[in-house]
Amino acid sequence: MAERDKDDKAILWMFKNEKSHDRQPDFTGPGRIDKDVLKELVDAYKEHGDGNSLKLKCAAWKKEGKTGPYLFVLIEPDLPRENLPDASEIPF
């Protein structure tokens, strides 16, 4: 996988949703995927996808904005870790 610049991201801003009934989502908001990240996701799907989907990993931070609290969500492919030692090889 190519090294990404700090501005290349797949991100979401999730704000508390004013619900009128229980079936509506608790949070909604805008998102953005930069073209290099989109290409990376497609390449990751081609190499690591199961034919129907690609596993993702997400991280979220609680933030406070001008209009109130929100979640900032970062999304990236959940790729196998390479060059990690076998757990039995790690001295404790």
Protein backbone atom coordinates (compact mmCIF):
# COMPACT_ATOMS: atom_id res chain seq x y z
CA MET A 1 0.00 0.00 0.00
CA ALA A 2 1.32 3.43 -0.88
CA GLU A 3 2.20 5.86 1.89
CA ARG A 4 -0.64 8.36 2.28
CA ASP A 5 -0.33 12.08 2.79
CA LYS A 6 -1.98 13.34 5.97
CA ASP A 7 -4.67 15.07 3.86
CA ASP A 8 -5.63 11.89 1.96
CA LYS A 9 -8.59 10.57 3.93
CA ALA A 10 -11.92 8.83 4.03
CA ILE A 11 -13.72 10.71 6.78
CA LEU A 12 -17.19 11.29 8.20
CA TRP A 13 -18.64 13.90 10.52
CA MET A 14 -21.54 12.36 12.45
CA PHE A 15 -23.94 14.70 14.25
CA LYS A 16 -26.79 13.77 16.57
CA ASN A 17 -29.93 13.37 14.48
CA GLU A 18 -33.14 15.07 15.61
CA LYS A 19 -35.40 12.01 15.37
CA SER A 20 -39.13 12.11 14.87
CA HIS A 21 -39.48 8.32 15.31
CA ASP A 22 -37.37 5.40 16.60
CA ARG A 23 -36.51 3.99 13.16
CA GLN A 24 -34.43 7.01 12.19
CA PRO A 25 -30.65 6.94 12.73
CA ASP A 26 -29.17 8.37 15.92
CA PHE A 27 -26.38 10.14 13.99
CA THR A 28 -26.14 11.49 10.42
CA GLY A 29 -23.67 13.66 8.57
CA PRO A 30 -21.48 14.37 5.56
CA GLY A 31 -18.37 12.49 4.48
CA ARG A 32 -15.53 12.67 2.00
CA ILE A 33 -13.22 10.19 0.25
CA ASP A 34 -10.22 11.63 -1.57
CA LYS A 35 -9.56 10.05 -4.97
CA ASP A 36 -6.26 8.45 -3.90
CA VAL A 37 -7.99 6.77 -0.98
CA LEU A 38 -10.80 5.58 -3.23
CA LYS A 39 -8.21 4.03 -5.55
CA GLU A 40 -6.53 2.44 -2.53
CA LEU A 41 -9.87 0.94 -1.44
CA VAL A 42 -10.48 -0.48 -4.93
CA ASP A 43 -6.95 -1.92 -5.06
CA ALA A 44 -7.38 -3.38 -1.55
CA TYR A 45 -10.70 -4.95 -2.60
CA LYS A 46 -9.06 -6.52 -5.66
CA GLU A 47 -6.24 -7.99 -3.54
CA HIS A 48 -7.95 -8.70 -0.20
CA GLY A 49 -11.71 -8.64 -0.85
CA ASP A 50 -13.76 -11.80 -0.63
CA GLY A 51 -15.63 -11.22 -3.89
CA ASN A 52 -18.50 -9.45 -2.15
CA SER A 53 -16.92 -7.03 0.30
CA LEU A 54 -13.76 -5.53 1.77
CA LYS A 55 -13.24 -5.42 5.52
CA LEU A 56 -12.78 -1.90 6.86
CA LYS A 57 -11.54 -0.52 10.13
CA CYS A 58 -12.92 2.67 11.59
CA ALA A 59 -11.88 4.97 14.38
CA ALA A 60 -14.01 7.70 15.96
CA TRP A 61 -13.26 10.68 18.16
CA LYS A 62 -15.74 12.74 20.18
CA LYS A 63 -15.42 16.41 19.20
CA GLU A 64 -17.13 19.65 20.11
CA GLY A 65 -18.16 21.97 17.27
CA LYS A 66 -19.93 25.29 16.88
CA THR A 67 -23.29 23.52 16.67
CA GLY A 68 -22.55 21.00 19.45
CA PRO A 69 -20.91 17.60 19.90
CA TYR A 70 -20.19 15.28 17.00
CA LEU A 71 -18.17 12.16 16.12
CA PHE A 72 -15.23 12.43 13.71
CA VAL A 73 -14.82 9.05 11.94
CA LEU A 74 -11.75 7.86 10.00
CA ILE A 75 -12.15 4.87 7.63
CA GLU A 76 -9.48 2.69 6.01
CA PRO A 77 -9.15 -0.86 4.66
CA ASP A 78 -8.51 -3.54 7.28
CA LEU A 79 -5.53 -5.16 5.57
CA PRO A 80 -3.46 -8.08 6.84
CA ARG A 81 -0.45 -6.91 8.76
CA GLU A 82 2.77 -7.87 7.04
CA ASN A 83 6.15 -8.61 8.57
CA LEU A 84 4.79 -9.10 12.08
CA PRO A 85 6.50 -11.80 14.13
CA ASP A 86 4.54 -14.87 15.15
CA ALA A 87 3.18 -14.43 18.67
CA SER A 88 5.22 -17.46 19.81
CA GLU A 89 8.41 -15.64 18.73
CA ILE A 90 7.82 -12.58 20.93
CA PRO A 91 9.89 -12.80 24.14
CA PHE A 92 8.07 -11.78 27.33
